C-alpha atoms as a PDB file:
ATOM      1  CA  MET A   1      -3.050 -10.408  -3.230  1.00  0.00           C
ATOM      2  CA  HIS A   2      -2.893  -6.970  -1.464  1.00  0.00           C
ATOM      3  CA  LYS A   3      -0.025  -6.160   0.657  1.00  0.00           C
ATOM      4  CA  GLY A   4      -2.019  -4.928   3.598  1.00  0.00           C
ATOM      5  CA  ARG A   5      -4.053  -1.948   4.712  1.00  0.00           C
ATOM      6  CA  ILE A   6      -2.999   1.515   4.929  1.00  0.00           C
ATOM      7  CA  LEU A   7      -5.264   4.515   7.160  1.00  0.00           C
ATOM      8  CA  VAL A   8      -4.620   7.857   5.799  1.00  0.00           C
ATOM      9  CA  VAL A   9      -5.412  10.583   7.978  1.00  0.00           C
ATOM     10  CA  GLU A  10      -5.322  13.655   6.303  1.00  0.00           C
ATOM     11  CA  ASP A  11      -7.527  16.661   5.836  1.00  0.00           C
ATOM     12  CA  GLU A  12      -6.155  17.842   2.651  1.00  0.00           C
ATOM     13  CA  PHE A  13      -8.392  16.664   0.220  1.00  0.00           C
ATOM     14  CA  ASP A  14      -5.850  16.451  -2.849  1.00  0.00           C
ATOM     15  CA  ILE A  15      -3.038  15.051  -0.441  1.00  0.00           C
ATOM     16  CA  ALA A  16      -5.013  12.016   0.536  1.00  0.00           C
ATOM     17  CA  ASN A  17      -6.572  11.426  -2.664  1.00  0.00           C
ATOM     18  CA  MET A  18      -3.017  11.109  -4.408  1.00  0.00           C
ATOM     19  CA  LEU A  19      -1.577   8.967  -1.567  1.00  0.00           C
ATOM     20  CA  LYS A  20      -4.626   6.641  -1.839  1.00  0.00           C
ATOM     21  CA  ILE A  21      -4.229   6.230  -5.959  1.00  0.00           C
ATOM     22  CA  TYR A  22      -0.513   5.782  -5.521  1.00  0.00           C
ATOM     23  CA  PHE A  23      -0.471   3.152  -2.704  1.00  0.00           C
ATOM     24  CA  LYS A  24      -3.462   1.371  -4.390  1.00  0.00           C
ATOM     25  CA  SER A  25      -1.330   1.481  -7.459  1.00  0.00           C
ATOM     26  CA  GLN A  26       1.828  -0.491  -4.835  1.00  0.00           C
ATOM     27  CA  GLY A  27      -0.957  -2.878  -4.289  1.00  0.00           C
ATOM     28  CA  TYR A  28      -2.379  -1.896  -0.458  1.00  0.00           C
ATOM     29  CA  GLU A  29      -5.638  -1.148   0.215  1.00  0.00           C
ATOM     30  CA  VAL A  30      -6.097   2.390   1.514  1.00  0.00           C
ATOM     31  CA  ASP A  31      -8.783   4.123   3.728  1.00  0.00           C
ATOM     32  CA  LEU A  32      -9.005   7.712   4.299  1.00  0.00           C
ATOM     33  CA  ALA A  33     -10.184   9.651   7.265  1.00  0.00           C
ATOM     34  CA  GLY A  34     -10.213  13.417   7.151  1.00  0.00           C
ATOM     35  CA  ARG A  35     -10.526  13.941  11.088  1.00  0.00           C
ATOM     36  CA  GLY A  36      -9.169  12.467  14.085  1.00  0.00           C
ATOM     37  CA  THR A  37     -12.470  11.447  15.217  1.00  0.00           C
ATOM     38  CA  GLU A  38     -12.946   9.511  12.203  1.00  0.00           C
ATOM     39  CA  ALA A  39      -9.588   7.773  12.264  1.00  0.00           C
ATOM     40  CA  LEU A  40     -10.047   6.435  15.577  1.00  0.00           C
ATOM     41  CA  GLU A  41     -13.701   4.488  14.771  1.00  0.00           C
ATOM     42  CA  MET A  42     -12.243   3.480  11.492  1.00  0.00           C
ATOM     43  CA  THR A  43      -9.315   1.991  13.309  1.00  0.00           C
ATOM     44  CA  ARG A  44     -11.465   0.127  15.864  1.00  0.00           C
ATOM     45  CA  LYS A  45     -13.651  -1.248  13.038  1.00  0.00           C
ATOM     46  CA  ARG A  46     -11.177  -2.215  10.470  1.00  0.00           C
ATOM     47  CA  LEU A  47      -7.398  -2.286  12.159  1.00  0.00           C
ATOM     48  CA  PRO A  48      -5.004  -1.114   9.586  1.00  0.00           C
ATOM     49  CA  ASN A  49      -1.377  -2.349   9.022  1.00  0.00           C
ATOM     50  CA  LEU A  50       0.231   0.983   9.319  1.00  0.00           C
ATOM     51  CA  ILE A  51      -1.219   4.693   9.696  1.00  0.00           C
ATOM     52  CA  LEU A  52       0.232   7.768   7.565  1.00  0.00           C
ATOM     53  CA  LEU A  53      -1.114  10.466  10.343  1.00  0.00           C
ATOM     54  CA  ASP A  54      -1.298  14.320   9.396  1.00  0.00           C
ATOM     55  CA  ILE A  55      -0.595  16.321  12.788  1.00  0.00           C
ATOM     56  CA  MET A  56      -2.422  19.434  11.900  1.00  0.00           C
ATOM     57  CA  MET A  57      -6.324  18.553  11.775  1.00  0.00           C
ATOM     58  CA  PRO A  58      -9.346  20.703  11.968  1.00  0.00           C
ATOM     59  CA  ASP A  59     -11.199  18.527  15.088  1.00  0.00           C
ATOM     60  CA  MET A  60      -8.341  16.626  17.243  1.00  0.00           C
ATOM     61  CA  ASP A  61      -4.189  16.719  16.392  1.00  0.00           C
ATOM     62  CA  GLY A  62      -1.939  13.906  15.326  1.00  0.00           C
ATOM     63  CA  TYR A  63      -0.552  13.874  18.656  1.00  0.00           C
ATOM     64  CA  GLU A  64      -3.748  13.090  20.519  1.00  0.00           C
ATOM     65  CA  VAL A  65      -4.713  10.699  17.860  1.00  0.00           C
ATOM     66  CA  CYS A  66      -1.601   8.668  18.278  1.00  0.00           C
ATOM     67  CA  LYS A  67      -1.695   8.954  22.221  1.00  0.00           C
ATOM     68  CA  ARG A  68      -5.447   7.451  22.344  1.00  0.00           C
ATOM     69  CA  LEU A  69      -4.192   4.711  19.554  1.00  0.00           C
ATOM     70  CA  ARG A  70      -0.858   3.703  21.917  1.00  0.00           C
ATOM     71  CA  THR A  71      -2.858   3.753  24.993  1.00  0.00           C
ATOM     72  CA  THR A  72      -5.743   1.403  23.597  1.00  0.00           C
ATOM     73  CA  ASN A  73      -4.931  -2.162  23.732  1.00  0.00           C
ATOM     74  CA  ARG A  74      -6.605  -3.178  20.364  1.00  0.00           C
ATOM     75  CA  THR A  75      -4.758  -0.206  18.679  1.00  0.00           C
ATOM     76  CA  LYS A  76      -1.541  -0.005  20.423  1.00  0.00           C
ATOM     77  CA  HIS A  77       0.742  -2.311  18.131  1.00  0.00           C
ATOM     78  CA  ILE A  78       0.020  -0.578  14.952  1.00  0.00           C
ATOM     79  CA  PRO A  79       2.793   1.465  12.955  1.00  0.00           C
ATOM     80  CA  ILE A  80       2.456   4.894  12.647  1.00  0.00           C
ATOM     81  CA  ILE A  81       4.131   7.597  10.815  1.00  0.00           C
ATOM     82  CA  PHE A  82       3.491  11.084  10.977  1.00  0.00           C
ATOM     83  CA  LEU A  83       3.034  13.505   8.125  1.00  0.00           C
ATOM     84  CA  THR A  84       3.141  17.139   8.856  1.00  0.00           C
ATOM     85  CA  GLN A  85       4.613  20.658   7.591  1.00  0.00           C
ATOM     86  CA  LYS A  86       6.425  21.008  10.796  1.00  0.00           C
ATOM     87  CA  ASP A  87      10.062  20.721  10.592  1.00  0.00           C
ATOM     88  CA  ASP A  88      11.011  21.341  14.362  1.00  0.00           C
ATOM     89  CA  ARG A  89      13.048  19.333  15.816  1.00  0.00           C
ATOM     90  CA  SER A  90      10.939  19.223  19.333  1.00  0.00           C
ATOM     91  CA  ASP A  91       7.727  18.214  17.081  1.00  0.00           C
ATOM     92  CA  LYS A  92       9.446  15.228  16.026  1.00  0.00           C
ATOM     93  CA  ILE A  93      10.545  14.232  19.618  1.00  0.00           C
ATOM     94  CA  ALA A  94       7.132  14.918  20.738  1.00  0.00           C
ATOM     95  CA  GLY A  95       5.591  12.441  18.275  1.00  0.00           C
ATOM     96  CA  LEU A  96       8.290   9.784  18.738  1.00  0.00           C
ATOM     97  CA  GLU A  97       7.764   9.885  22.222  1.00  0.00           C
ATOM     98  CA  LEU A  98       4.376   9.248  21.966  1.00  0.00           C
ATOM     99  CA  GLY A  99       5.130   6.146  19.935  1.00  0.00           C
ATOM    100  CA  ALA A 100       5.297   7.136  16.298  1.00  0.00           C
ATOM    101  CA  ASP A 101       7.493   4.924  14.222  1.00  0.00           C
ATOM    102  CA  ASP A 102       8.745   7.878  12.037  1.00  0.00           C
ATOM    103  CA  PHE A 103       8.181  11.330  10.651  1.00  0.00           C
ATOM    104  CA  VAL A 104       7.756  12.615   7.275  1.00  0.00           C
ATOM    105  CA  THR A 105       8.100  16.484   6.583  1.00  0.00           C
ATOM    106  CA  LYS A 106       6.049  17.618   3.766  1.00  0.00           C
ATOM    107  CA  PRO A 107       6.686  18.338   1.165  1.00  0.00           C
ATOM    108  CA  PHE A 108       7.519  14.756   1.043  1.00  0.00           C
ATOM    109  CA  ASP A 109       9.111  12.453  -2.024  1.00  0.00           C
ATOM    110  CA  ILE A 110       6.469   9.948  -2.963  1.00  0.00           C
ATOM    111  CA  GLU A 111       9.140   7.400  -3.696  1.00  0.00           C
ATOM    112  CA  GLU A 112      10.918   7.470  -0.265  1.00  0.00           C
ATOM    113  CA  LEU A 113       7.711   7.880   1.444  1.00  0.00           C
ATOM    114  CA  LYS A 114       6.605   4.267  -0.037  1.00  0.00           C
ATOM    115  CA  LEU A 115      10.232   2.685   1.337  1.00  0.00           C
ATOM    116  CA  ARG A 116       9.583   4.339   4.455  1.00  0.00           C
ATOM    117  CA  VAL A 117       6.133   2.533   4.408  1.00  0.00           C
ATOM    118  CA  ASN A 118       7.512  -0.679   3.328  1.00  0.00           C
ATOM    119  CA  ASN A 119      10.493  -0.838   5.870  1.00  0.00           C
ATOM    120  CA  THR A 120       8.058   0.161   9.066  1.00  0.00           C
ATOM    121  CA  ILE A 121       5.575  -2.682   7.467  1.00  0.00           C
ATOM    122  CA  ARG A 122       8.597  -5.245   7.455  1.00  0.00           C
ATOM    123  CA  LEU A 123      10.552  -4.361  10.411  1.00  0.00           C
ATOM    124  CA  SER A 124       7.142  -4.770  12.381  1.00  0.00           C
ATOM    125  CA  GLN A 125       6.568  -8.162  11.057  1.00  0.00           C
ATOM    126  CA  GLU A 126      10.329  -8.961  11.489  1.00  0.00           C
ATOM    127  CA  ASN A 127      10.238  -7.910  15.177  1.00  0.00           C
ATOM    128  CA  ASN A 128       7.765 -10.683  15.850  1.00  0.00           C
ATOM    129  CA  GLN A 129       5.206  -8.102  16.496  1.00  0.00           C
ATOM    130  CA  ARG A 130       2.741  -8.785  13.526  1.00  0.00           C
ATOM    131  CA  ASP A 131       1.669 -12.059  11.839  1.00  0.00           C
ATOM    132  CA  PRO A 132       2.289 -11.179   8.070  1.00  0.00           C
ATOM    133  CA  ARG A 133      -0.947 -12.966   6.777  1.00  0.00           C
ATOM    134  CA  SER A 134      -3.293 -11.058   9.324  1.00  0.00           C
ATOM    135  CA  GLY A 135      -1.571  -8.617  10.124  1.00  0.00           C
ATOM    136  CA  LEU A 136      -2.560  -9.250  13.766  1.00  0.00           C
ATOM    137  CA  PRO A 137      -0.115  -9.009  16.938  1.00  0.00           C
ATOM    138  CA  ALA A 138       2.302 -11.842  17.497  1.00  0.00           C
ATOM    139  CA  GLY A 139       4.587 -13.262  19.417  1.00  0.00           C
ATOM    140  CA  LYS A 140       6.108 -10.628  22.273  1.00  0.00           C
ATOM    141  CA  MET A 141       2.970  -8.631  21.884  1.00  0.00           C
ATOM    142  CA  ILE A 142       0.583 -11.647  22.943  1.00  0.00           C
ATOM    143  CA  GLU A 143       3.038 -12.310  25.705  1.00  0.00           C
ATOM    144  CA  GLU A 144       2.762  -8.855  26.927  1.00  0.00           C
ATOM    145  CA  GLN A 145      -0.744  -9.006  27.092  1.00  0.00           C
ATOM    146  CA  LEU A 146      -0.895 -12.309  29.124  1.00  0.00           C
ATOM    147  CA  ARG A 147       1.911 -11.123  31.388  1.00  0.00           C
ATOM    148  CA  ALA A 148      -0.656  -8.373  32.041  1.00  0.00           C
ATOM    149  CA  LEU A 149      -3.690 -10.339  32.707  1.00  0.00           C
ATOM    150  CA  MET A 150      -1.750 -11.506  35.999  1.00  0.00           C
ATOM    151  CA  ARG A 151      -2.614  -8.057  37.572  1.00  0.00           C
ATOM    152  CA  ARG A 152      -6.382  -7.883  36.670  1.00  0.00           C
ATOM    153  CA  ASP A 153      -9.079  -9.930  37.806  1.00  0.00           C
ATOM    154  CA  ASN A 154     -11.748  -9.164  35.292  1.00  0.00           C
ATOM    155  CA  TRP A 155     -10.221 -11.111  32.293  1.00  0.00           C
ATOM    156  CA  ALA A 156     -11.526 -13.748  29.903  1.00  0.00           C
ATOM    157  CA  TYR A 157      -8.687 -15.499  27.669  1.00  0.00           C
ATOM    158  CA  LEU A 158     -10.161 -17.425  24.425  1.00  0.00           C
ATOM    159  CA  ASP A 159      -8.007 -19.825  22.811  1.00  0.00           C
ATOM    160  CA  ILE A 160      -9.323 -19.985  19.087  1.00  0.00           C
ATOM    161  CA  LYS A 161      -8.601 -22.419  15.972  1.00  0.00           C
ATOM    162  CA  ILE A 162     -10.169 -23.078  12.878  1.00  0.00           C
ATOM    163  CA  ASP A 163     -10.801 -26.703  12.391  1.00  0.00           C
ATOM    164  CA  ASN A 164     -10.444 -28.204   8.928  1.00  0.00           C
ATOM    165  CA  PHE A 165      -8.031 -25.487   8.017  1.00  0.00           C
ATOM    166  CA  ASP A 166      -5.216 -27.949   6.560  1.00  0.00           C
ATOM    167  CA  PRO A 167      -7.451 -29.452   3.995  1.00  0.00           C
ATOM    168  CA  PHE A 168      -9.103 -26.092   2.878  1.00  0.00           C
ATOM    169  CA  LYS A 169      -5.337 -24.879   2.458  1.00  0.00           C
ATOM    170  CA  GLU A 170      -4.437 -28.397   0.827  1.00  0.00           C
ATOM    171  CA  LYS A 171      -6.835 -28.141  -1.924  1.00  0.00           C
ATOM    172  CA  TYR A 172      -7.209 -24.071  -2.677  1.00  0.00           C
ATOM    173  CA  GLY A 173      -3.528 -22.931  -1.995  1.00  0.00           C
ATOM    174  CA  TYR A 174      -1.717 -20.604   0.068  1.00  0.00           C
ATOM    175  CA  VAL A 175      -3.700 -17.548  -1.505  1.00  0.00           C
ATOM    176  CA  ALA A 176      -7.100 -18.643  -0.492  1.00  0.00           C
ATOM    177  CA  ALA A 177      -5.514 -19.349   2.738  1.00  0.00           C
ATOM    178  CA  ASN A 178      -4.090 -16.225   3.181  1.00  0.00           C
ATOM    179  CA  GLU A 179      -7.516 -14.086   2.295  1.00  0.00           C
ATOM    180  CA  LEU A 180      -9.286 -16.246   5.046  1.00  0.00           C
ATOM    181  CA  MET A 181      -6.915 -14.930   7.456  1.00  0.00           C
ATOM    182  CA  ARG A 182      -7.302 -11.469   6.535  1.00  0.00           C
ATOM    183  CA  SER A 183     -11.112 -12.238   6.768  1.00  0.00           C
ATOM    184  CA  MET A 184     -10.361 -13.587   9.962  1.00  0.00           C
ATOM    185  CA  ARG A 185      -9.173 -10.471  11.360  1.00  0.00           C
ATOM    186  CA  MET A 186     -11.991  -8.333  10.064  1.00  0.00           C
ATOM    187  CA  LEU A 187     -14.606 -10.696  11.513  1.00  0.00           C
ATOM    188  CA  LEU A 188     -12.594 -10.384  14.761  1.00  0.00           C
ATOM    189  CA  ALA A 189     -12.504  -6.441  14.760  1.00  0.00           C
ATOM    190  CA  GLU A 190     -16.212  -6.598  13.753  1.00  0.00           C
ATOM    191  CA  ILE A 191     -17.370  -8.614  16.612  1.00  0.00           C
ATOM    192  CA  LEU A 192     -15.107  -6.722  18.995  1.00  0.00           C
ATOM    193  CA  GLU A 193     -17.008  -3.178  17.757  1.00  0.00           C
ATOM    194  CA  ALA A 194     -20.278  -4.680  18.186  1.00  0.00           C
ATOM    195  CA  ALA A 195     -19.717  -6.552  21.683  1.00  0.00           C
ATOM    196  CA  GLY A 196     -16.340  -5.941  23.227  1.00  0.00           C
ATOM    197  CA  THR A 197     -14.596  -3.111  25.159  1.00  0.00           C
ATOM    198  CA  GLU A 198     -12.015  -0.570  24.013  1.00  0.00           C
ATOM    199  CA  ASP A 199      -9.447  -2.565  25.801  1.00  0.00           C
ATOM    200  CA  ASP A 200     -10.114  -5.662  24.428  1.00  0.00           C
ATOM    201  CA  PHE A 201      -7.104  -7.545  22.486  1.00  0.00           C
ATOM    202  CA  VAL A 202      -6.834 -10.184  19.690  1.00  0.00           C
ATOM    203  CA  GLY A 203      -3.767 -11.437  18.646  1.00  0.00           C
ATOM    204  CA  HIS A 204      -2.420 -14.347  15.641  1.00  0.00           C
ATOM    205  CA  PRO A 205       0.227 -16.466  17.592  1.00  0.00           C
ATOM    206  CA  GLY A 206       0.361 -18.660  14.257  1.00  0.00           C
ATOM    207  CA  GLY A 207      -0.765 -20.971  12.141  1.00  0.00           C
ATOM    208  CA  GLU A 208      -5.072 -21.563  11.968  1.00  0.00           C
ATOM    209  CA  ASN A 209      -4.772 -20.205  15.953  1.00  0.00           C
ATOM    210  CA  PHE A 210      -6.214 -16.811  17.294  1.00  0.00           C
ATOM    211  CA  VAL A 211      -6.142 -15.110  20.643  1.00  0.00           C
ATOM    212  CA  LEU A 212      -8.920 -12.624  21.867  1.00  0.00           C
ATOM    213  CA  ILE A 213      -8.546 -11.357  25.059  1.00  0.00           C
ATOM    214  CA  THR A 214     -11.586  -9.303  26.844  1.00  0.00           C
ATOM    215  CA  THR A 215     -14.078  -9.129  29.979  1.00  0.00           C
ATOM    216  CA  VAL A 216     -15.719 -11.641  31.880  1.00  0.00           C
ATOM    217  CA  ALA A 217     -19.163  -9.953  31.071  1.00  0.00           C
ATOM    218  CA  ALA A 218     -18.267  -9.754  27.249  1.00  0.00           C
ATOM    219  CA  ALA A 219     -16.782 -13.255  26.456  1.00  0.00           C
ATOM    220  CA  PRO A 220     -20.093 -15.324  26.448  1.00  0.00           C
ATOM    221  CA  LYS A 221     -21.608 -12.761  23.467  1.00  0.00           C
ATOM    222  CA  ILE A 222     -18.348 -12.511  21.449  1.00  0.00           C
ATOM    223  CA  GLU A 223     -17.743 -16.664  21.662  1.00  0.00           C
ATOM    224  CA  ALA A 224     -21.534 -17.143  20.823  1.00  0.00           C
ATOM    225  CA  MET A 225     -21.403 -14.258  17.837  1.00  0.00           C
ATOM    226  CA  LEU A 226     -17.699 -15.526  16.537  1.00  0.00           C
ATOM    227  CA  ARG A 227     -19.118 -19.194  16.274  1.00  0.00           C
ATOM    228  CA  LYS A 228     -22.211 -17.970  14.514  1.00  0.00           C
ATOM    229  CA  ARG A 229     -20.551 -15.637  12.016  1.00  0.00           C
ATOM    230  CA  PHE A 230     -17.611 -17.739  11.472  1.00  0.00           C
ATOM    231  CA  LEU A 231     -19.894 -20.443  10.012  1.00  0.00           C
ATOM    232  CA  GLU A 232     -21.647 -18.285   7.760  1.00  0.00           C
ATOM    233  CA  THR A 233     -18.615 -16.727   6.453  1.00  0.00           C
ATOM    234  CA  ALA A 234     -16.216 -19.425   6.056  1.00  0.00           C
ATOM    235  CA  GLN A 235     -18.563 -21.028   3.577  1.00  0.00           C
ATOM    236  CA  LEU A 236     -18.007 -18.009   1.135  1.00  0.00           C
ATOM    237  CA  HIS A 237     -14.405 -19.429   0.819  1.00  0.00           C
ATOM    238  CA  TYR A 238     -15.262 -22.525  -0.950  1.00  0.00           C
ATOM    239  CA  SER A 239     -16.336 -23.528  -4.583  1.00  0.00           C
ATOM    240  CA  PHE A 240     -20.064 -23.736  -5.809  1.00  0.00           C
ATOM    241  CA  GLU A 241     -19.851 -27.507  -5.824  1.00  0.00           C
ATOM    242  CA  ASP A 242     -17.867 -27.876  -2.490  1.00  0.00           C
ATOM    243  CA  LYS A 243     -20.599 -25.797  -1.187  1.00  0.00           C
ATOM    244  CA  GLU A 244     -23.264 -28.311  -2.472  1.00  0.00           C
ATOM    245  CA  SER A 245     -21.525 -31.465  -0.898  1.00  0.00           C
ATOM    246  CA  GLY A 246     -21.221 -29.598   2.564  1.00  0.00           C
ATOM    247  CA  GLY A 247     -17.251 -29.706   2.228  1.00  0.00           C
ATOM    248  CA  ILE A 248     -14.277 -31.087   0.759  1.00  0.00           C
ATOM    249  CA  VAL A 249     -13.583 -34.476  -1.025  1.00  0.00           C
ATOM    250  CA  ILE A 250     -10.036 -35.232  -0.706  1.00  0.00           C
ATOM    251  CA  GLY A 251      -9.424 -39.045  -2.100  1.00  0.00           C
ATOM    252  CA  ASN A 252     -11.848 -41.147  -0.102  1.00  0.00           C
ATOM    253  CA  LEU A 253     -12.367 -38.872   2.583  1.00  0.00           C
ATOM    254  CA  HIS A 254     -15.252 -36.401   2.994  1.00  0.00           C
ATOM    255  CA  ILE A 255     -14.005 -33.220   5.371  1.00  0.00           C
ATOM    256  CA  PRO A 256     -16.559 -30.734   6.733  1.00  0.00           C
ATOM    257  CA  PHE A 257     -16.678 -27.193   6.424  1.00  0.00           C
ATOM    258  CA  MET A 258     -14.476 -25.163   8.222  1.00  0.00           C
ATOM    259  CA  ARG A 259     -15.290 -24.175  12.000  1.00  0.00           C
ATOM    260  CA  LEU A 260     -13.930 -22.640  15.023  1.00  0.00           C
ATOM    261  CA  SER A 261     -12.948 -24.438  18.115  1.00  0.00           C
ATOM    262  CA  ILE A 262     -12.669 -22.262  21.454  1.00  0.00           C
ATOM    263  CA  GLY A 263     -11.283 -22.642  24.945  1.00  0.00           C
ATOM    264  CA  THR A 264     -12.162 -19.695  27.488  1.00  0.00           C
ATOM    265  CA  VAL A 265      -9.999 -19.012  30.577  1.00  0.00           C
ATOM    266  CA  SER A 266     -11.330 -16.778  33.111  1.00  0.00           C
ATOM    267  CA  PRO A 267     -10.224 -16.104  36.926  1.00  0.00           C
ATOM    268  CA  GLN A 268     -12.149 -18.866  39.645  1.00  0.00           C
ATOM    269  CA  PRO A 269     -12.378 -18.737  43.024  1.00  0.00           C
ATOM    270  CA  GLY A 270      -9.140 -20.508  44.146  1.00  0.00           C
ATOM    271  CA  MET A 271      -7.080 -19.937  40.935  1.00  0.00           C
ATOM    272  CA  TRP A 272      -3.865 -18.946  41.222  1.00  0.00           C
ATOM    273  CA  ILE A 273      -1.731 -18.186  38.372  1.00  0.00           C
ATOM    274  CA  SER A 274       2.059 -18.127  38.213  1.00  0.00           C
ATOM    275  CA  ASP A 275       3.059 -18.171  34.897  1.00  0.00           C
ATOM    276  CA  ILE A 276       1.335 -17.124  31.363  1.00  0.00           C
ATOM    277  CA  ARG A 277       1.995 -20.457  30.002  1.00  0.00           C
ATOM    278  CA  GLU A 278      -0.631 -22.010  32.427  1.00  0.00           C
ATOM    279  CA  ILE A 279      -3.332 -19.590  30.984  1.00  0.00           C
ATOM    280  CA  THR A 280      -2.317 -21.127  27.477  1.00  0.00           C
ATOM    281  CA  GLU A 281      -2.539 -24.230  28.416  1.00  0.00           C
ATOM    282  CA  LEU A 282      -5.950 -24.490  30.455  1.00  0.00           C
ATOM    283  CA  GLY A 283      -6.931 -22.630  26.968  1.00  0.00           C
ATOM    284  CA  ALA A 284      -5.644 -24.819  24.803  1.00  0.00           C
ATOM    285  CA  GLU A 285      -7.069 -27.761  26.887  1.00  0.00           C
ATOM    286  CA  LYS A 286     -10.476 -26.258  26.675  1.00  0.00           C
ATOM    287  CA  ARG A 287     -10.286 -25.801  23.015  1.00  0.00           C
ATOM    288  CA  ARG A 288      -9.592 -29.301  22.048  1.00  0.00           C
ATOM    289  CA  ALA A 289     -12.591 -30.234  24.395  1.00  0.00           C
ATOM    290  CA  ASP A 290     -14.674 -28.034  22.410  1.00  0.00           C
ATOM    291  CA  ARG A 291     -13.721 -30.226  18.997  1.00  0.00           C
END
């Protein structure tokens, strides 16, 4: 079971490859990007748990990459550690002001960098910013997004739950359940890349529940794709015998495959929302009616 995904943004091949080999040996999945534009594209498609970001790159410097990540809803929560040959105080201040979480000067001690990476990811989780299983925003960050909705008109909020998740976890255990959560994270990212907008947001408030915020126009297509793709991918997590029987047998009960129930809320004529709890309550009510 891997610890999470790190995106290394570094144009020097030897350094990038060394970091990939080392952090893979530490239990992380590692993606490489040699240019800033490539890093932005890869981040949209596969949200990392942390980004190691070089400042000096051929097309777009790390400051600009950081700025774009921090001003986009889908990526603003991702911890960023700058890697740079610069050791000037003003450069560090500039990076931290853009929202970087840490700043490491080359040449660096790999063991120290490992501790900084581990601590940054841990602190992000402890501060109620990310769910430890999926790596998606949780708690406070979801609440911030909901409060921002109240200042907008063109929004759609999707309350998503994986039905029949508990029986799956009971039979296959927590490792399989955690793998399913990471798979859900990847599925959501793929669907938003295909049918969403740059400012869409996806979060994991806990358990088998997820939330997604998009536009009114994009919501129907995203919902349809999500239902279809989840039904296809969920079965990959079952054994051959359970696939053949169409679900899980526990005692005398036959429990069907996991599916999604979704409740979608969007502004309606005459609707007045004074508290974010009203949005979540409406979403939960519609999601329960979808079972």
